[in-house]
Amino acid sequence: MARVLISMPEEFLEKIDQVADGENRSRSELIREALRTYIYKQRVRESTASARNAELLESLLE
């Protein structure tokens, strides 16, 4: 697995650690899950936008 070094405010890291501790997960595990969720939601948004654009084009061509 690759390692990544990121910078963030100390307060944000403390919040991440609190959530991770509360869920009995590691900090890395929590951040990976957050990024997976972000990527998934971004794909859904893109897909939804593409579908809307296709509908708009269809209505213009009718």
PDB file of N, CA and C in Angstrom:
ATOM      1  N   MET A   1       0.861  -1.179   0.000  1.00  0.00           N
ATOM      2  CA  MET A   1       0.000   0.000   0.000  1.00  0.00           C
ATOM      3  C   MET A   1       0.900   1.234   0.000  1.00  0.00           C
ATOM      4  N   ALA A   2       0.528   2.231  -0.782  1.00  0.00           N
ATOM      5  CA  ALA A   2       1.292   3.476  -0.844  1.00  0.00           C
ATOM      6  C   ALA A   2       1.019   4.320   0.396  1.00  0.00           C
ATOM      7  N   ARG A   3       1.985   5.123   0.751  1.00  0.00           N
ATOM      8  CA  ARG A   3       1.819   6.042   1.876  1.00  0.00           C
ATOM      9  C   ARG A   3       1.757   7.450   1.323  1.00  0.00           C
ATOM     10  N   VAL A   4       0.906   8.285   1.937  1.00  0.00           N
ATOM     11  CA  VAL A   4       0.697   9.658   1.483  1.00  0.00           C
ATOM     12  C   VAL A   4       0.871  10.583   2.674  1.00  0.00           C
ATOM     13  N   LEU A   5       1.579  11.663   2.454  1.00  0.00           N
ATOM     14  CA  LEU A   5       1.765  12.660   3.505  1.00  0.00           C
ATOM     15  C   LEU A   5       0.875  13.852   3.174  1.00  0.00           C
ATOM     16  N   ILE A   6      -0.012  14.211   4.102  1.00  0.00           N
ATOM     17  CA  ILE A   6      -0.883  15.374   3.897  1.00  0.00           C
ATOM     18  C   ILE A   6      -0.748  16.323   5.077  1.00  0.00           C
ATOM     19  N   SER A   7      -1.098  17.563   4.829  1.00  0.00           N
ATOM     20  CA  SER A   7      -1.075  18.577   5.888  1.00  0.00           C
ATOM     21  C   SER A   7      -2.504  18.997   6.187  1.00  0.00           C
ATOM     22  N   MET A   8      -2.791  19.219   7.464  1.00  0.00           N
ATOM     23  CA  MET A   8      -4.112  19.704   7.861  1.00  0.00           C
ATOM     24  C   MET A   8      -3.993  20.398   9.206  1.00  0.00           C
ATOM     25  N   PRO A   9      -4.960  21.253   9.503  1.00  0.00           N
ATOM     26  CA  PRO A   9      -4.935  21.936  10.798  1.00  0.00           C
ATOM     27  C   PRO A   9      -5.022  20.917  11.949  1.00  0.00           C
ATOM     28  N   GLU A  10      -4.343  21.219  13.010  1.00  0.00           N
ATOM     29  CA  GLU A  10      -4.301  20.333  14.179  1.00  0.00           C
ATOM     30  C   GLU A  10      -5.707  20.029  14.712  1.00  0.00           C
ATOM     31  N   GLU A  11      -6.582  21.042  14.715  1.00  0.00           N
ATOM     32  CA  GLU A  11      -7.940  20.843  15.243  1.00  0.00           C
ATOM     33  C   GLU A  11      -8.702  19.815  14.398  1.00  0.00           C
ATOM     34  N   PHE A  12      -8.480  19.846  13.082  1.00  0.00           N
ATOM     35  CA  PHE A  12      -9.149  18.909  12.192  1.00  0.00           C
ATOM     36  C   PHE A  12      -8.659  17.484  12.468  1.00  0.00           C
ATOM     37  N   LEU A  13      -7.371  17.347  12.670  1.00  0.00           N
ATOM     38  CA  LEU A  13      -6.799  16.038  12.978  1.00  0.00           C
ATOM     39  C   LEU A  13      -7.355  15.504  14.301  1.00  0.00           C
ATOM     40  N   GLU A  14      -7.539  16.385  15.260  1.00  0.00           N
ATOM     41  CA  GLU A  14      -8.114  15.970  16.549  1.00  0.00           C
ATOM     42  C   GLU A  14      -9.538  15.448  16.358  1.00  0.00           C
ATOM     43  N   LYS A  15     -10.326  16.123  15.509  1.00  0.00           N
ATOM     44  CA  LYS A  15     -11.694  15.662  15.238  1.00  0.00           C
ATOM     45  C   LYS A  15     -11.680  14.309  14.545  1.00  0.00           C
ATOM     46  N   ILE A  16     -10.770  14.130  13.600  1.00  0.00           N
ATOM     47  CA  ILE A  16     -10.642  12.844  12.912  1.00  0.00           C
ATOM     48  C   ILE A  16     -10.315  11.747  13.916  1.00  0.00           C
ATOM     49  N   ASP A  17      -9.378  12.022  14.785  1.00  0.00           N
ATOM     50  CA  ASP A  17      -8.991  11.032  15.794  1.00  0.00           C
ATOM     51  C   ASP A  17     -10.151  10.699  16.739  1.00  0.00           C
ATOM     52  N   GLN A  18     -10.963  11.689  17.100  1.00  0.00           N
ATOM     53  CA  GLN A  18     -12.110  11.438  17.969  1.00  0.00           C
ATOM     54  C   GLN A  18     -13.106  10.511  17.288  1.00  0.00           C
ATOM     55  N   VAL A  19     -13.382  10.781  16.014  1.00  0.00           N
ATOM     56  CA  VAL A  19     -14.328   9.930  15.277  1.00  0.00           C
ATOM     57  C   VAL A  19     -13.751   8.529  15.126  1.00  0.00           C
ATOM     58  N   ALA A  20     -12.491   8.432  14.761  1.00  0.00           N
ATOM     59  CA  ALA A  20     -11.848   7.129  14.585  1.00  0.00           C
ATOM     60  C   ALA A  20     -11.884   6.334  15.895  1.00  0.00           C
ATOM     61  N   ASP A  21     -11.553   6.990  16.989  1.00  0.00           N
ATOM     62  CA  ASP A  21     -11.585   6.313  18.295  1.00  0.00           C
ATOM     63  C   ASP A  21     -12.993   5.850  18.629  1.00  0.00           C
ATOM     64  N   GLY A  22     -13.978   6.702  18.358  1.00  0.00           N
ATOM     65  CA  GLY A  22     -15.370   6.372  18.649  1.00  0.00           C
ATOM     66  C   GLY A  22     -15.874   5.187  17.841  1.00  0.00           C
ATOM     67  N   GLU A  23     -15.296   4.970  16.674  1.00  0.00           N
ATOM     68  CA  GLU A  23     -15.701   3.866  15.801  1.00  0.00           C
ATOM     69  C   GLU A  23     -14.730   2.691  15.853  1.00  0.00           C
ATOM     70  N   ASN A  24     -13.773   2.767  16.777  1.00  0.00           N
ATOM     71  CA  ASN A  24     -12.739   1.726  16.914  1.00  0.00           C
ATOM     72  C   ASN A  24     -12.051   1.442  15.590  1.00  0.00           C
ATOM     73  N   ARG A  25     -11.669   2.523  14.894  1.00  0.00           N
ATOM     74  CA  ARG A  25     -10.976   2.401  13.612  1.00  0.00           C
ATOM     75  C   ARG A  25      -9.676   3.184  13.683  1.00  0.00           C
ATOM     76  N   SER A  26      -8.792   2.879  12.773  1.00  0.00           N
ATOM     77  CA  SER A  26      -7.568   3.672  12.701  1.00  0.00           C
ATOM     78  C   SER A  26      -7.851   4.966  11.943  1.00  0.00           C
ATOM     79  N   ARG A  27      -7.001   5.922  12.140  1.00  0.00           N
ATOM     80  CA  ARG A  27      -7.106   7.196  11.433  1.00  0.00           C
ATOM     81  C   ARG A  27      -7.057   6.942   9.923  1.00  0.00           C
ATOM     82  N   SER A  28      -6.137   6.103   9.490  1.00  0.00           N
ATOM     83  CA  SER A  28      -5.996   5.801   8.057  1.00  0.00           C
ATOM     84  C   SER A  28      -7.258   5.162   7.491  1.00  0.00           C
ATOM     85  N   GLU A  29      -7.816   4.233   8.249  1.00  0.00           N
ATOM     86  CA  GLU A  29      -9.034   3.548   7.813  1.00  0.00           C
ATOM     87  C   GLU A  29     -10.183   4.550   7.635  1.00  0.00           C
ATOM     88  N   LEU A  30     -10.317   5.444   8.581  1.00  0.00           N
ATOM     89  CA  LEU A  30     -11.378   6.449   8.518  1.00  0.00           C
ATOM     90  C   LEU A  30     -11.194   7.374   7.315  1.00  0.00           C
ATOM     91  N   ILE A  31      -9.972   7.824   7.085  1.00  0.00           N
ATOM     92  CA  ILE A  31      -9.703   8.727   5.966  1.00  0.00           C
ATOM     93  C   ILE A  31      -9.906   8.007   4.635  1.00  0.00           C
ATOM     94  N   ARG A  32      -9.489   6.744   4.528  1.00  0.00           N
ATOM     95  CA  ARG A  32      -9.733   5.973   3.297  1.00  0.00           C
ATOM     96  C   ARG A  32     -11.218   5.867   3.015  1.00  0.00           C
ATOM     97  N   GLU A  33     -12.011   5.564   4.049  1.00  0.00           N
ATOM     98  CA  GLU A  33     -13.462   5.445   3.882  1.00  0.00           C
ATOM     99  C   GLU A  33     -14.072   6.785   3.466  1.00  0.00           C
ATOM    100  N   ALA A  34     -13.606   7.864   4.057  1.00  0.00           N
ATOM    101  CA  ALA A  34     -14.114   9.196   3.693  1.00  0.00           C
ATOM    102  C   ALA A  34     -13.803   9.508   2.228  1.00  0.00           C
ATOM    103  N   LEU A  35     -12.625   9.155   1.772  1.00  0.00           N
ATOM    104  CA  LEU A  35     -12.261   9.404   0.378  1.00  0.00           C
ATOM    105  C   LEU A  35     -13.044   8.506  -0.577  1.00  0.00           C
ATOM    106  N   ARG A  36     -13.262   7.250  -0.198  1.00  0.00           N
ATOM    107  CA  ARG A  36     -14.096   6.358  -1.013  1.00  0.00           C
ATOM    108  C   ARG A  36     -15.494   6.945  -1.184  1.00  0.00           C
ATOM    109  N   THR A  37     -16.060   7.429  -0.084  1.00  0.00           N
ATOM    110  CA  THR A  37     -17.393   8.018  -0.110  1.00  0.00           C
ATOM    111  C   THR A  37     -17.413   9.269  -0.977  1.00  0.00           C
ATOM    112  N   TYR A  38     -16.407  10.105  -0.860  1.00  0.00           N
ATOM    113  CA  TYR A  38     -16.326  11.319  -1.660  1.00  0.00           C
ATOM    114  C   TYR A  38     -16.266  10.978  -3.148  1.00  0.00           C
ATOM    115  N   ILE A  39     -15.411  10.027  -3.513  1.00  0.00           N
ATOM    116  CA  ILE A  39     -15.260   9.628  -4.916  1.00  0.00           C
ATOM    117  C   ILE A  39     -16.563   9.049  -5.450  1.00  0.00           C
ATOM    118  N   TYR A  40     -17.227   8.219  -4.661  1.00  0.00           N
ATOM    119  CA  TYR A  40     -18.500   7.637  -5.084  1.00  0.00           C
ATOM    120  C   TYR A  40     -19.541   8.733  -5.329  1.00  0.00           C
ATOM    121  N   LYS A  41     -19.655   9.668  -4.377  1.00  0.00           N
ATOM    122  CA  LYS A  41     -20.637  10.744  -4.512  1.00  0.00           C
ATOM    123  C   LYS A  41     -20.319  11.623  -5.712  1.00  0.00           C
ATOM    124  N   GLN A  42     -19.042  11.855  -5.979  1.00  0.00           N
ATOM    125  CA  GLN A  42     -18.641  12.655  -7.135  1.00  0.00           C
ATOM    126  C   GLN A  42     -19.068  11.954  -8.425  1.00  0.00           C
ATOM    127  N   ARG A  43     -18.895  10.646  -8.500  1.00  0.00           N
ATOM    128  CA  ARG A  43     -19.314   9.894  -9.690  1.00  0.00           C
ATOM    129  C   ARG A  43     -20.825   9.946  -9.867  1.00  0.00           C
ATOM    130  N   VAL A  44     -21.564   9.856  -8.770  1.00  0.00           N
ATOM    131  CA  VAL A  44     -23.024   9.943  -8.847  1.00  0.00           C
ATOM    132  C   VAL A  44     -23.434  11.313  -9.359  1.00  0.00           C
ATOM    133  N   ARG A  45     -22.795  12.370  -8.845  1.00  0.00           N
ATOM    134  CA  ARG A  45     -23.106  13.731  -9.304  1.00  0.00           C
ATOM    135  C   ARG A  45     -22.823  13.878 -10.796  1.00  0.00           C
ATOM    136  N   GLU A  46     -21.679  13.357 -11.244  1.00  0.00           N
ATOM    137  CA  GLU A  46     -21.324  13.446 -12.664  1.00  0.00           C
ATOM    138  C   GLU A  46     -22.323  12.680 -13.518  1.00  0.00           C
ATOM    139  N   SER A  47     -22.711  11.499 -13.060  1.00  0.00           N
ATOM    140  CA  SER A  47     -23.662  10.670 -13.788  1.00  0.00           C
ATOM    141  C   SER A  47     -25.019  11.364 -13.876  1.00  0.00           C
ATOM    142  N   THR A  48     -25.444  11.951 -12.775  1.00  0.00           N
ATOM    143  CA  THR A  48     -26.722  12.664 -12.736  1.00  0.00           C
ATOM    144  C   THR A  48     -26.693  13.861 -13.681  1.00  0.00           C
ATOM    145  N   ALA A  49     -25.595  14.583 -13.678  1.00  0.00           N
ATOM    146  CA  ALA A  49     -25.462  15.744 -14.558  1.00  0.00           C
ATOM    147  C   ALA A  49     -25.479  15.306 -16.017  1.00  0.00           C
ATOM    148  N   SER A  50     -24.818  14.203 -16.325  1.00  0.00           N
ATOM    149  CA  SER A  50     -24.803  13.681 -17.699  1.00  0.00           C
ATOM    150  C   SER A  50     -26.205  13.279 -18.136  1.00  0.00           C
ATOM    151  N   ALA A  51     -26.941  12.638 -17.259  1.00  0.00           N
ATOM    152  CA  ALA A  51     -28.310  12.221 -17.581  1.00  0.00           C
ATOM    153  C   ALA A  51     -29.193  13.444 -17.829  1.00  0.00           C
ATOM    154  N   ARG A  52     -29.041  14.470 -17.004  1.00  0.00           N
ATOM    155  CA  ARG A  52     -29.815  15.704 -17.177  1.00  0.00           C
ATOM    156  C   ARG A  52     -29.489  16.367 -18.507  1.00  0.00           C
ATOM    157  N   ASN A  53     -28.195  16.408 -18.845  1.00  0.00           N
ATOM    158  CA  ASN A  53     -27.780  17.015 -20.105  1.00  0.00           C
ATOM    159  C   ASN A  53     -28.340  16.232 -21.291  1.00  0.00           C
ATOM    160  N   ALA A  54     -28.332  14.916 -21.197  1.00  0.00           N
ATOM    161  CA  ALA A  54     -28.875  14.085 -22.275  1.00  0.00           C
ATOM    162  C   ALA A  54     -30.368  14.350 -22.452  1.00  0.00           C
ATOM    163  N   GLU A  55     -31.097  14.449 -21.353  1.00  0.00           N
ATOM    164  CA  GLU A  55     -32.533  14.743 -21.425  1.00  0.00           C
ATOM    165  C   GLU A  55     -32.776  16.109 -22.056  1.00  0.00           C
ATOM    166  N   LEU A  56     -31.956  17.072 -21.679  1.00  0.00           N
ATOM    167  CA  LEU A  56     -32.083  18.419 -22.236  1.00  0.00           C
ATOM    168  C   LEU A  56     -31.838  18.398 -23.737  1.00  0.00           C
ATOM    169  N   LEU A  57     -30.800  17.712 -24.169  1.00  0.00           N
ATOM    170  CA  LEU A  57     -30.510  17.617 -25.597  1.00  0.00           C
ATOM    171  C   LEU A  57     -31.629  16.915 -26.342  1.00  0.00           C
ATOM    172  N   GLU A  58     -32.156  15.839 -25.755  1.00  0.00           N
ATOM    173  CA  GLU A  58     -33.266  15.128 -26.395  1.00  0.00           C
ATOM    174  C   GLU A  58     -34.458  16.053 -26.579  1.00  0.00           C
ATOM    175  N   SER A  59     -34.777  16.816 -25.556  1.00  0.00           N
ATOM    176  CA  SER A  59     -35.939  17.714 -25.649  1.00  0.00           C
ATOM    177  C   SER A  59     -35.705  18.809 -26.690  1.00  0.00           C
ATOM    178  N   LEU A  60     -34.475  19.242 -26.855  1.00  0.00           N
ATOM    179  CA  LEU A  60     -34.179  20.259 -27.864  1.00  0.00           C
ATOM    180  C   LEU A  60     -34.280  19.699 -29.278  1.00  0.00           C
ATOM    181  N   LEU A  61     -33.992  18.406 -29.411  1.00  0.00           N
ATOM    182  CA  LEU A  61     -33.996  17.793 -30.741  1.00  0.00           C
ATOM    183  C   LEU A  61     -35.386  17.322 -31.181  1.00  0.00           C
ATOM    184  N   GLU A  62     -36.344  17.351 -30.279  1.00  0.00           N
ATOM    185  CA  GLU A  62     -37.700  16.906 -30.626  1.00  0.00           C
ATOM    186  C   GLU A  62     -38.465  17.921 -31.408  1.00  0.00           C
TER     187      GLU A  62
END
